[in-house]
Amino acid sequence: MTKLLLQITGWLLARAPETLLHLFSWMLGPVILLIPRRRYITYSNLHHAFPEKPRAWHARIARKSCRRLIETSMLSLASPWLSDARVRQIGHFSPSVIAAVNRRADEGARQMPAVVTTLHMAYWESLAWLGLFTDYRCEIGVVFRPLGNKDLNEWIKKTRERHGLKLFSRRDGLMEVFRVARRRGIISILFDQNAGVPGALTTLLGRICSTSEFPGMLVEKYNARLSVMYARRIGFWRIRYEFVDIATDSNLSVVDATLALNRWLENTLATDEDLCASWLWSHSRWKTQNAPDHRFRFETKNDFLDADLTAHGWTRSTMPRRTRVWLRMPDDPAHYAHLFPLLRALRQSRPDTELTLFTDANAFAAMKPLHVDRTIDFLRALPRTGWFDSLLHFWKLRREYPDVFVNFSETPRSDREMKLTRAPQRFGIIRAGNRRPKLTDACEARPSDTPAETYKKFFTHFGLPE
């Protein structure tokens, strides 16, 4: 049923006037930002990546990105029903692509295997059309993630292969990928910054991410040339294909190749506003290292972080702090001393943490040791006004997009204030007989535990190394 519905929708889109489709995407794109979760992810991503930019700039990029997401989705659905002549009207090669094709043709038997990466940008699926724009033929294998629906997966695979590409599943087609590389062919693979625990720990725009290391593995194993190819939007359903050589060395390591791709992407997003708007900001691109059970430490199989920091001229103590942890101190100042060593340990285990403490203004002096050694980044006074003004104060803070809010106050009012910040993770302590439904995750405290034991158990529960 899903396949039939998509086929009917695609057939209608392929025959609809482009002017009507353009108007539809222009109107529907901003609707994505009315969906609370998508709106939060989009603006949080932009605010973390470009904290120095004004809110108006974030809003403009968010609207453009969502509109281009709709354009891309419609073109992907319509693609199987577009004639070759129509496709040639939509896309064309830039001089950089023409030069790359001519170079490979001239190399002949001397050509190197090549890894051509693609990106999560608007119109990226249109790269399956490339065979229509040149007479030069070579073996191109594309690595893709199969869908759960077998019939739908086979149909999509067939439509994407109609212009000469060969699609190989990540699940069971990797041996074919290796054979193409050994025959000095071209491997195309999506370069992902949301690879989860199996990915490599790196940074993108100063923020911790998990980067797919598979392109780098192929480059290292087969001494392949590394490049990026993407579709630049020049109008509604009008595309210019661009090609960038990342490295032509024949002896790059997996670490060097992975970091080189990240640095190119980082520089592109920061300097090219048009491509920045084509990035899919409504997706959780930095969704890594945020599982509650290891939130306060790094958990990865492949750690490229030190090499990444060295390439930037940073160390773990000077790296950007883009993971925003807000912590409301306990109501009893006598408990503060128990937290100080734990906060210093958190600074060591998660050096990317931007730590903000909320406390009564009278307790600022007690926080001076944490300021001196840069354990905390910001210290904020809790409002002294009435309950309504206090709620309004925390509601306004939602546009600072905290990642984690730790609430040691344990009062219902403080929990309400915490939730108004819209922090996606809200941690706290639950004691016997208490309910704290506004927490997303909690650590249970035993009545026999001392305050020092309770706080240590809390931080350990959320991943702080013992």
Protein backbone atom coordinates (compact mmCIF):
# COMPACT_ATOMS: atom_id res chain seq x y z
CA MET A 1 0.00 0.00 0.00
CA THR A 2 2.84 2.38 0.88
CA LYS A 3 4.58 1.66 -2.42
CA LEU A 4 1.40 2.29 -4.41
CA LEU A 5 0.70 5.54 -2.59
CA LEU A 6 4.24 6.79 -3.24
CA GLN A 7 4.01 5.81 -6.90
CA ILE A 8 0.73 7.68 -7.37
CA THR A 9 2.08 10.74 -5.55
CA GLY A 10 5.27 10.72 -7.63
CA TRP A 11 3.34 10.36 -10.89
CA LEU A 12 1.17 13.37 -10.00
CA LEU A 13 4.17 15.48 -8.96
CA ALA A 14 6.01 14.70 -12.19
CA ARG A 15 3.06 16.03 -14.21
CA ALA A 16 2.16 19.03 -12.08
CA PRO A 17 3.26 22.54 -13.19
CA GLU A 18 6.54 23.51 -11.57
CA THR A 19 5.13 26.92 -10.64
CA LEU A 20 2.43 25.24 -8.57
CA LEU A 21 4.95 22.90 -6.92
CA HIS A 22 7.24 25.84 -6.15
CA LEU A 23 4.38 27.68 -4.45
CA PHE A 24 3.43 24.55 -2.54
CA SER A 25 6.97 24.03 -1.20
CA TRP A 26 7.31 27.73 -0.33
CA MET A 27 4.12 27.54 1.77
CA LEU A 28 4.63 24.09 3.27
CA GLY A 29 8.30 24.42 4.26
CA PRO A 30 7.71 26.76 7.23
CA VAL A 31 4.94 24.45 8.44
CA ILE A 32 7.69 22.01 9.47
CA LEU A 33 8.76 24.63 11.99
CA LEU A 34 5.29 24.51 13.55
CA ILE A 35 5.97 20.92 14.65
CA PRO A 36 7.39 21.43 18.17
CA ARG A 37 10.08 18.75 18.00
CA ARG A 38 11.29 19.73 14.51
CA ARG A 39 11.29 23.39 15.42
CA TYR A 40 13.36 22.71 18.53
CA ILE A 41 15.89 20.51 16.68
CA THR A 42 16.28 23.03 13.83
CA TYR A 43 16.83 26.09 15.99
CA SER A 44 18.92 24.20 18.55
CA ASN A 45 21.24 22.92 15.80
CA LEU A 46 21.67 26.41 14.34
CA HIS A 47 22.14 28.05 17.73
CA HIS A 48 24.81 25.52 18.76
CA ALA A 49 26.63 25.71 15.41
CA PHE A 50 26.48 29.50 15.03
CA PRO A 51 25.92 31.00 18.50
CA GLU A 52 27.30 34.35 17.32
CA LYS A 53 24.60 34.75 14.65
CA PRO A 54 21.40 36.71 15.45
CA ARG A 55 18.02 35.07 15.83
CA ALA A 56 16.85 36.59 12.53
CA TRP A 57 19.66 34.80 10.67
CA HIS A 58 18.79 31.48 12.33
CA ALA A 59 15.14 31.96 11.33
CA ARG A 60 16.01 32.75 7.71
CA ILE A 61 18.27 29.72 7.33
CA ALA A 62 15.69 27.50 9.07
CA ARG A 63 12.91 28.54 6.65
CA LYS A 64 15.12 28.07 3.59
CA SER A 65 16.32 24.68 4.79
CA CYS A 66 12.78 23.43 5.41
CA ARG A 67 11.57 24.66 2.03
CA ARG A 68 14.44 22.91 0.31
CA LEU A 69 13.64 19.75 2.24
CA ILE A 70 10.13 19.82 0.74
CA GLU A 71 11.53 20.51 -2.76
CA THR A 72 13.94 17.60 -2.40
CA SER A 73 11.24 15.23 -1.16
CA MET A 74 8.94 16.08 -4.05
CA LEU A 75 11.72 15.65 -6.62
CA SER A 76 12.72 12.29 -5.13
CA LEU A 77 9.13 11.06 -5.41
CA ALA A 78 8.74 12.40 -8.96
CA SER A 79 12.13 11.16 -10.16
CA PRO A 80 11.02 7.70 -11.45
CA TRP A 81 8.43 9.38 -13.68
CA LEU A 82 10.62 12.11 -15.16
CA SER A 83 11.79 11.65 -18.76
CA ASP A 84 15.49 11.88 -19.61
CA ALA A 85 14.82 15.15 -21.41
CA ARG A 86 13.15 16.61 -18.31
CA VAL A 87 16.05 15.49 -16.11
CA ARG A 88 18.51 17.26 -18.44
CA GLN A 89 16.50 20.45 -17.98
CA ILE A 90 16.76 20.14 -14.20
CA GLY A 91 20.47 19.39 -13.79
CA HIS A 92 23.79 20.22 -15.41
CA PHE A 93 27.50 19.83 -14.73
CA SER A 94 29.67 22.61 -13.38
CA PRO A 95 33.18 23.09 -14.83
CA SER A 96 34.59 21.28 -11.77
CA VAL A 97 32.65 18.10 -12.63
CA ILE A 98 33.58 18.30 -16.31
CA ALA A 99 37.26 18.67 -15.36
CA ALA A 100 37.06 15.65 -13.02
CA VAL A 101 35.41 13.48 -15.72
CA ASN A 102 37.99 14.52 -18.32
CA ARG A 103 40.85 13.83 -15.92
CA ARG A 104 39.61 10.33 -15.19
CA ALA A 105 39.09 9.61 -18.88
CA ASP A 106 42.62 10.81 -19.69
CA GLU A 107 44.17 8.63 -16.98
CA GLY A 108 42.85 5.47 -18.59
CA ALA A 109 44.65 2.42 -17.21
CA ARG A 110 46.59 4.65 -14.78
CA GLN A 111 43.47 5.78 -12.94
CA MET A 112 43.22 5.35 -9.18
CA PRO A 113 40.20 3.97 -7.37
CA ALA A 114 38.08 6.85 -6.13
CA VAL A 115 35.85 7.44 -3.12
CA VAL A 116 33.27 10.13 -3.93
CA THR A 117 31.31 11.18 -0.86
CA THR A 118 27.89 12.80 -0.83
CA LEU A 119 26.21 14.84 1.88
CA HIS A 120 22.87 15.29 3.62
CA MET A 121 22.04 18.37 1.56
CA ALA A 122 19.09 19.33 -0.58
CA TYR A 123 18.74 17.37 -3.84
CA TRP A 124 21.39 14.84 -2.86
CA GLU A 125 19.38 11.92 -4.30
CA SER A 126 19.54 13.54 -7.76
CA LEU A 127 23.16 12.36 -7.96
CA ALA A 128 21.71 9.07 -9.26
CA TRP A 129 21.14 10.90 -12.58
CA LEU A 130 24.79 11.59 -13.31
CA GLY A 131 25.00 9.01 -16.10
CA LEU A 132 22.68 11.15 -18.22
CA PHE A 133 25.06 14.11 -18.39
CA THR A 134 28.19 12.47 -19.84
CA ASP A 135 29.15 9.87 -22.43
CA TYR A 136 32.06 8.70 -20.29
CA ARG A 137 31.32 5.37 -18.65
CA CYS A 138 33.01 3.81 -15.64
CA GLU A 139 32.04 1.44 -12.86
CA ILE A 140 30.29 3.30 -10.03
CA GLY A 141 29.09 1.54 -6.91
CA VAL A 142 26.82 3.36 -4.48
CA VAL A 143 26.53 2.27 -0.85
CA PHE A 144 23.01 2.75 0.52
CA ARG A 145 21.05 1.94 3.64
CA PRO A 146 18.22 -0.50 2.74
CA LEU A 147 14.63 0.15 3.79
CA GLY A 148 12.64 -2.20 5.98
CA ASN A 149 9.90 -2.65 3.37
CA LYS A 150 11.31 -5.17 0.88
CA ASP A 151 9.03 -4.30 -2.06
CA LEU A 152 9.54 -0.57 -1.60
CA ASN A 153 13.29 -1.06 -1.25
CA GLU A 154 13.50 -3.04 -4.51
CA TRP A 155 11.47 -0.43 -6.38
CA ILE A 156 13.60 2.47 -5.16
CA LYS A 157 16.80 0.54 -5.93
CA LYS A 158 15.59 -0.16 -9.47
CA THR A 159 14.68 3.48 -10.15
CA ARG A 160 18.02 4.76 -8.87
CA GLU A 161 20.00 2.28 -10.97
CA ARG A 162 18.35 3.14 -14.27
CA HIS A 163 21.12 5.58 -15.27
CA GLY A 164 24.05 3.21 -14.77
CA LEU A 165 24.82 3.19 -11.04
CA LYS A 166 25.05 0.00 -9.01
CA LEU A 167 23.55 0.15 -5.52
CA PHE A 168 25.07 -2.01 -2.80
CA SER A 169 23.40 -2.49 0.56
CA ARG A 170 25.31 -1.61 3.73
CA ARG A 171 23.83 -4.79 5.16
CA ASP A 172 24.97 -7.42 2.67
CA GLY A 173 26.69 -5.73 -0.27
CA LEU A 174 30.05 -4.66 1.13
CA MET A 175 31.98 -7.43 -0.62
CA GLU A 176 30.77 -6.00 -3.95
CA VAL A 177 31.95 -2.57 -2.82
CA PHE A 178 35.43 -3.95 -2.19
CA ARG A 179 35.48 -5.63 -5.62
CA VAL A 180 34.64 -2.33 -7.34
CA ALA A 181 37.47 -0.63 -5.45
CA ARG A 182 39.93 -3.39 -6.44
CA ARG A 183 38.93 -2.86 -10.07
CA ARG A 184 39.82 0.84 -9.62
CA GLY A 185 36.22 1.92 -9.94
CA ILE A 186 34.34 4.67 -8.10
CA ILE A 187 32.63 4.16 -4.75
CA SER A 188 29.99 6.70 -3.77
CA ILE A 189 28.95 6.82 -0.13
CA LEU A 190 27.03 9.18 2.10
CA PHE A 191 29.36 10.94 4.53
CA ASP A 192 27.40 10.97 7.77
CA GLN A 193 27.95 12.91 11.01
CA ASN A 194 25.34 10.91 12.88
CA ALA A 195 26.91 7.46 12.81
CA GLY A 196 26.14 6.58 16.44
CA VAL A 197 28.43 4.56 18.70
CA PRO A 198 30.11 2.69 15.78
CA GLY A 199 31.24 6.03 14.29
CA ALA A 200 34.38 7.97 15.07
CA LEU A 201 34.37 10.63 17.80
CA THR A 202 35.16 13.96 16.10
CA THR A 203 33.92 17.54 16.03
CA LEU A 204 31.89 19.51 13.52
CA LEU A 205 31.50 23.26 13.95
CA GLY A 206 33.08 22.91 17.38
CA ARG A 207 30.52 20.35 18.54
CA ILE A 208 31.06 16.67 19.31
CA CYS A 209 29.70 14.36 16.62
CA SER A 210 30.01 10.76 15.46
CA THR A 211 31.41 10.60 11.94
CA SER A 212 31.20 7.67 9.56
CA GLU A 213 34.72 6.33 9.05
CA PHE A 214 33.83 3.99 6.17
CA PRO A 215 34.89 6.44 3.41
CA GLY A 216 38.24 6.88 5.17
CA MET A 217 38.65 3.11 5.54
CA LEU A 218 38.20 2.67 1.78
CA VAL A 219 40.67 5.47 1.05
CA GLU A 220 43.30 3.91 3.32
CA LYS A 221 42.74 0.32 2.20
CA TYR A 222 42.75 0.96 -1.57
CA ASN A 223 44.92 4.11 -1.79
CA ALA A 224 41.93 5.87 -3.31
CA ARG A 225 41.46 9.48 -4.33
CA LEU A 226 39.01 11.28 -2.01
CA SER A 227 36.47 13.84 -3.16
CA VAL A 228 33.02 15.30 -2.53
CA MET A 229 30.21 15.72 -5.04
CA TYR A 230 27.01 17.57 -4.28
CA ALA A 231 24.06 19.27 -5.95
CA ARG A 232 23.88 23.05 -5.60
CA ARG A 233 20.39 24.50 -5.86
CA ILE A 234 20.22 27.32 -8.41
CA GLY A 235 16.43 27.50 -8.54
CA PHE A 236 13.33 25.42 -7.93
CA TRP A 237 14.13 21.97 -9.38
CA ARG A 238 17.24 23.42 -11.00
CA ILE A 239 20.59 21.93 -9.98
CA ARG A 240 24.26 22.42 -10.74
CA TYR A 241 26.52 19.51 -9.79
CA GLU A 242 29.77 20.50 -8.06
CA PHE A 243 32.93 18.46 -7.48
CA VAL A 244 35.67 19.08 -4.91
CA ASP A 245 38.92 17.16 -4.52
CA ILE A 246 39.55 16.65 -0.81
CA ALA A 247 42.83 14.78 -1.17
CA THR A 248 44.73 13.28 -4.09
CA ASP A 249 47.39 11.61 -1.91
CA SER A 250 47.57 7.85 -2.30
CA ASN A 251 48.53 7.10 1.30
CA LEU A 252 45.94 8.84 3.50
CA SER A 253 45.05 7.14 6.76
CA VAL A 254 41.46 6.62 7.83
CA VAL A 255 41.91 9.34 10.45
CA ASP A 256 43.37 11.87 7.98
CA ALA A 257 40.64 11.20 5.40
CA THR A 258 37.81 11.41 7.93
CA LEU A 259 39.05 14.65 9.44
CA ALA A 260 39.71 16.20 6.02
CA LEU A 261 36.09 15.58 5.01
CA ASN A 262 34.79 17.06 8.25
CA ARG A 263 36.98 20.16 7.90
CA TRP A 264 35.80 20.75 4.33
CA LEU A 265 32.15 20.43 5.41
CA GLU A 266 32.71 22.65 8.43
CA ASN A 267 34.32 25.39 6.35
CA THR A 268 31.61 25.14 3.70
CA LEU A 269 28.75 25.50 6.17
CA ALA A 270 30.47 28.45 7.85
CA THR A 271 31.36 30.38 4.68
CA ASP A 272 28.74 29.49 2.05
CA GLU A 273 25.31 30.62 3.21
CA ASP A 274 23.56 29.07 0.22
CA LEU A 275 24.93 25.60 0.97
CA CYS A 276 24.34 26.19 4.66
CA ALA A 277 20.64 26.65 3.86
CA SER A 278 20.68 23.36 1.92
CA TRP A 279 21.95 21.43 4.96
CA LEU A 280 19.16 19.45 6.62
CA TRP A 281 19.09 21.35 9.91
CA SER A 282 15.79 19.78 10.95
CA HIS A 283 17.55 16.41 11.41
CA SER A 284 19.41 15.46 14.58
CA ARG A 285 22.89 15.62 13.06
CA TRP A 286 24.71 15.79 16.43
CA LYS A 287 22.71 13.06 18.14
CA THR A 288 25.63 11.32 19.82
CA GLN A 289 27.12 10.95 23.30
CA ASN A 290 23.73 11.77 24.80
CA ALA A 291 22.50 8.42 26.13
CA PRO A 292 21.58 9.05 29.79
CA ASP A 293 23.71 6.21 31.17
CA HIS A 294 26.91 7.76 29.76
CA ARG A 295 25.93 11.41 29.43
CA PHE A 296 28.81 12.50 31.66
CA ARG A 297 31.57 10.69 29.75
CA PHE A 298 32.55 9.86 26.17
CA GLU A 299 31.51 6.41 24.94
CA THR A 300 32.90 5.43 21.54
CA LYS A 301 34.64 2.57 19.76
CA ASN A 302 36.77 4.87 17.59
CA ASP A 303 38.21 7.99 19.19
CA PHE A 304 39.60 10.48 16.65
CA LEU A 305 39.04 13.41 19.01
CA ASP A 306 42.67 14.10 19.96
CA ALA A 307 43.76 14.11 16.31
CA ASP A 308 40.84 16.38 15.47
CA LEU A 309 41.69 18.81 18.27
CA THR A 310 45.35 18.88 17.27
CA ALA A 311 44.39 19.75 13.69
CA HIS A 312 42.40 22.71 15.05
CA GLY A 313 45.13 23.78 17.44
CA TRP A 314 43.03 22.85 20.47
CA THR A 315 43.49 20.53 23.43
CA ARG A 316 40.84 18.86 25.54
CA SER A 317 41.11 21.71 28.03
CA THR A 318 40.78 24.46 25.39
CA MET A 319 38.28 22.90 22.98
CA PRO A 320 34.95 24.66 22.37
CA ARG A 321 32.33 23.99 25.00
CA ARG A 322 29.15 23.38 23.01
CA THR A 323 27.32 20.75 25.11
CA ARG A 324 25.16 22.92 27.36
CA VAL A 325 24.61 21.50 30.84
CA TRP A 326 22.59 23.63 33.26
CA LEU A 327 22.66 22.68 36.93
CA ARG A 328 20.43 24.07 39.65
CA MET A 329 22.25 23.88 42.97
CA PRO A 330 20.62 22.31 46.06
CA ASP A 331 18.49 24.54 48.26
CA ASP A 332 20.78 23.78 51.22
CA PRO A 333 24.16 25.57 50.78
CA ALA A 334 25.73 23.03 53.11
CA HIS A 335 25.56 20.52 50.26
CA TYR A 336 27.61 22.65 47.84
CA ALA A 337 30.98 21.35 49.00
CA HIS A 338 29.94 17.78 48.12
CA LEU A 339 29.36 18.82 44.50
CA PHE A 340 32.58 20.72 43.83
CA PRO A 341 34.86 17.66 43.25
CA LEU A 342 32.17 16.01 41.13
CA LEU A 343 31.82 19.08 38.91
CA ARG A 344 35.60 19.18 38.47
CA ALA A 345 35.52 15.49 37.49
CA LEU A 346 32.76 16.26 34.99
CA ARG A 347 34.97 18.95 33.44
CA GLN A 348 37.67 16.31 32.89
CA SER A 349 35.40 13.56 31.54
CA ARG A 350 33.34 15.85 29.26
CA PRO A 351 35.62 18.76 28.31
CA ASP A 352 33.07 19.84 25.70
CA THR A 353 30.60 20.79 28.46
CA GLU A 354 29.50 24.40 28.87
CA LEU A 355 28.48 24.29 32.51
CA THR A 356 26.03 26.87 33.88
CA LEU A 357 25.07 26.91 37.56
CA PHE A 358 21.83 28.40 38.91
CA THR A 359 21.90 29.43 42.55
CA ASP A 360 20.73 32.08 44.97
CA ALA A 361 22.61 35.37 44.52
CA ASN A 362 23.76 35.19 48.13
CA ALA A 363 25.71 32.01 47.32
CA PHE A 364 27.81 33.54 44.53
CA ALA A 365 30.83 33.91 46.80
CA ALA A 366 30.79 30.19 47.54
CA MET A 367 31.21 29.49 43.81
CA LYS A 368 34.43 31.50 43.50
CA PRO A 369 36.74 28.42 43.54
CA LEU A 370 34.87 26.97 40.55
CA HIS A 371 35.26 30.25 38.68
CA VAL A 372 38.96 30.47 39.39
CA ASP A 373 39.79 27.07 37.89
CA ARG A 374 37.26 27.49 35.02
CA THR A 375 35.23 24.49 36.13
CA ILE A 376 32.05 26.44 35.42
CA ASP A 377 31.41 28.77 32.51
CA PHE A 378 28.44 30.81 33.75
CA LEU A 379 26.85 31.53 37.10
CA ARG A 380 23.26 32.76 37.16
CA ALA A 381 21.18 34.03 40.03
CA LEU A 382 17.76 32.56 40.58
CA PRO A 383 15.04 35.23 40.32
CA ARG A 384 13.83 36.65 43.63
CA THR A 385 10.44 37.69 42.30
CA GLY A 386 7.11 35.88 42.61
CA TRP A 387 6.28 32.52 41.17
CA PHE A 388 4.80 33.91 37.92
CA ASP A 389 7.84 36.09 37.16
CA SER A 390 10.10 33.17 37.95
CA LEU A 391 8.23 30.91 35.53
CA LEU A 392 8.41 33.62 32.86
CA HIS A 393 12.15 33.98 33.44
CA PHE A 394 12.81 30.28 32.76
CA TRP A 395 10.40 30.23 29.81
CA LYS A 396 12.47 32.98 28.15
CA LEU A 397 15.60 30.87 28.61
CA ARG A 398 14.22 28.22 26.22
CA ARG A 399 15.85 30.04 23.30
CA GLU A 400 19.29 29.31 24.72
CA TYR A 401 18.68 25.59 23.99
CA PRO A 402 20.26 23.76 26.93
CA ASP A 403 21.03 20.09 26.28
CA VAL A 404 20.77 18.88 29.89
CA PHE A 405 19.15 20.44 32.94
CA VAL A 406 20.17 18.91 36.28
CA ASN A 407 17.83 19.96 39.08
CA PHE A 408 19.08 19.39 42.63
CA SER A 409 16.39 21.60 44.16
CA GLU A 410 13.84 18.74 44.16
CA THR A 411 10.80 21.03 44.61
CA PRO A 412 7.72 20.91 42.35
CA ARG A 413 8.16 24.58 41.48
CA SER A 414 11.77 24.09 40.40
CA ASP A 415 10.70 21.13 38.26
CA ARG A 416 8.09 23.27 36.50
CA GLU A 417 10.69 25.97 35.88
CA MET A 418 13.14 23.39 34.56
CA LYS A 419 10.64 21.99 32.06
CA LEU A 420 9.89 25.46 30.68
CA THR A 421 13.47 25.66 29.36
CA ARG A 422 12.59 22.73 27.03
CA ALA A 423 15.86 20.98 27.77
CA PRO A 424 15.52 17.58 26.06
CA GLN A 425 17.14 15.82 29.03
CA ARG A 426 16.11 16.71 32.59
CA PHE A 427 17.94 14.85 35.35
CA GLY A 428 17.29 14.72 39.08
CA ILE A 429 17.16 12.63 42.24
CA ILE A 430 14.08 10.70 43.33
CA ARG A 431 13.61 9.84 46.96
CA ALA A 432 11.24 7.31 48.48
CA GLY A 433 7.64 8.51 48.37
CA ASN A 434 8.32 11.37 45.90
CA ARG A 435 7.20 11.68 42.31
CA ARG A 436 8.95 13.94 39.81
CA PRO A 437 7.13 13.39 36.49
CA LYS A 438 8.82 16.33 34.77
CA LEU A 439 12.21 14.59 34.86
CA THR A 440 13.18 12.57 31.81
CA ASP A 441 15.68 10.46 33.77
CA ALA A 442 16.34 10.07 37.49
CA CYS A 443 18.63 8.45 40.03
CA GLU A 444 17.00 6.88 43.07
CA ALA A 445 18.42 7.83 46.47
CA ARG A 446 18.23 5.53 49.48
CA PRO A 447 17.18 7.00 52.85
CA SER A 448 20.41 5.78 54.42
CA ASP A 449 22.64 7.64 51.91
CA THR A 450 24.51 10.72 53.08
CA PRO A 451 24.42 13.83 50.83
CA ALA A 452 27.97 13.06 49.61
CA GLU A 453 26.97 9.48 48.74
CA THR A 454 23.78 10.63 47.04
CA TYR A 455 25.51 13.12 44.73
CA LYS A 456 28.33 10.73 43.90
CA LYS A 457 25.80 8.01 43.09
CA PHE A 458 23.88 10.48 40.90
CA PHE A 459 26.88 11.45 38.76
CA THR A 460 28.03 7.84 38.48
CA HIS A 461 24.51 6.82 37.44
CA PHE A 462 24.76 9.18 34.47
CA GLY A 463 28.19 8.00 33.40
CA LEU A 464 30.81 9.92 35.34
CA PRO A 465 33.85 7.61 35.72
CA GLU A 466 34.40 6.44 39.30
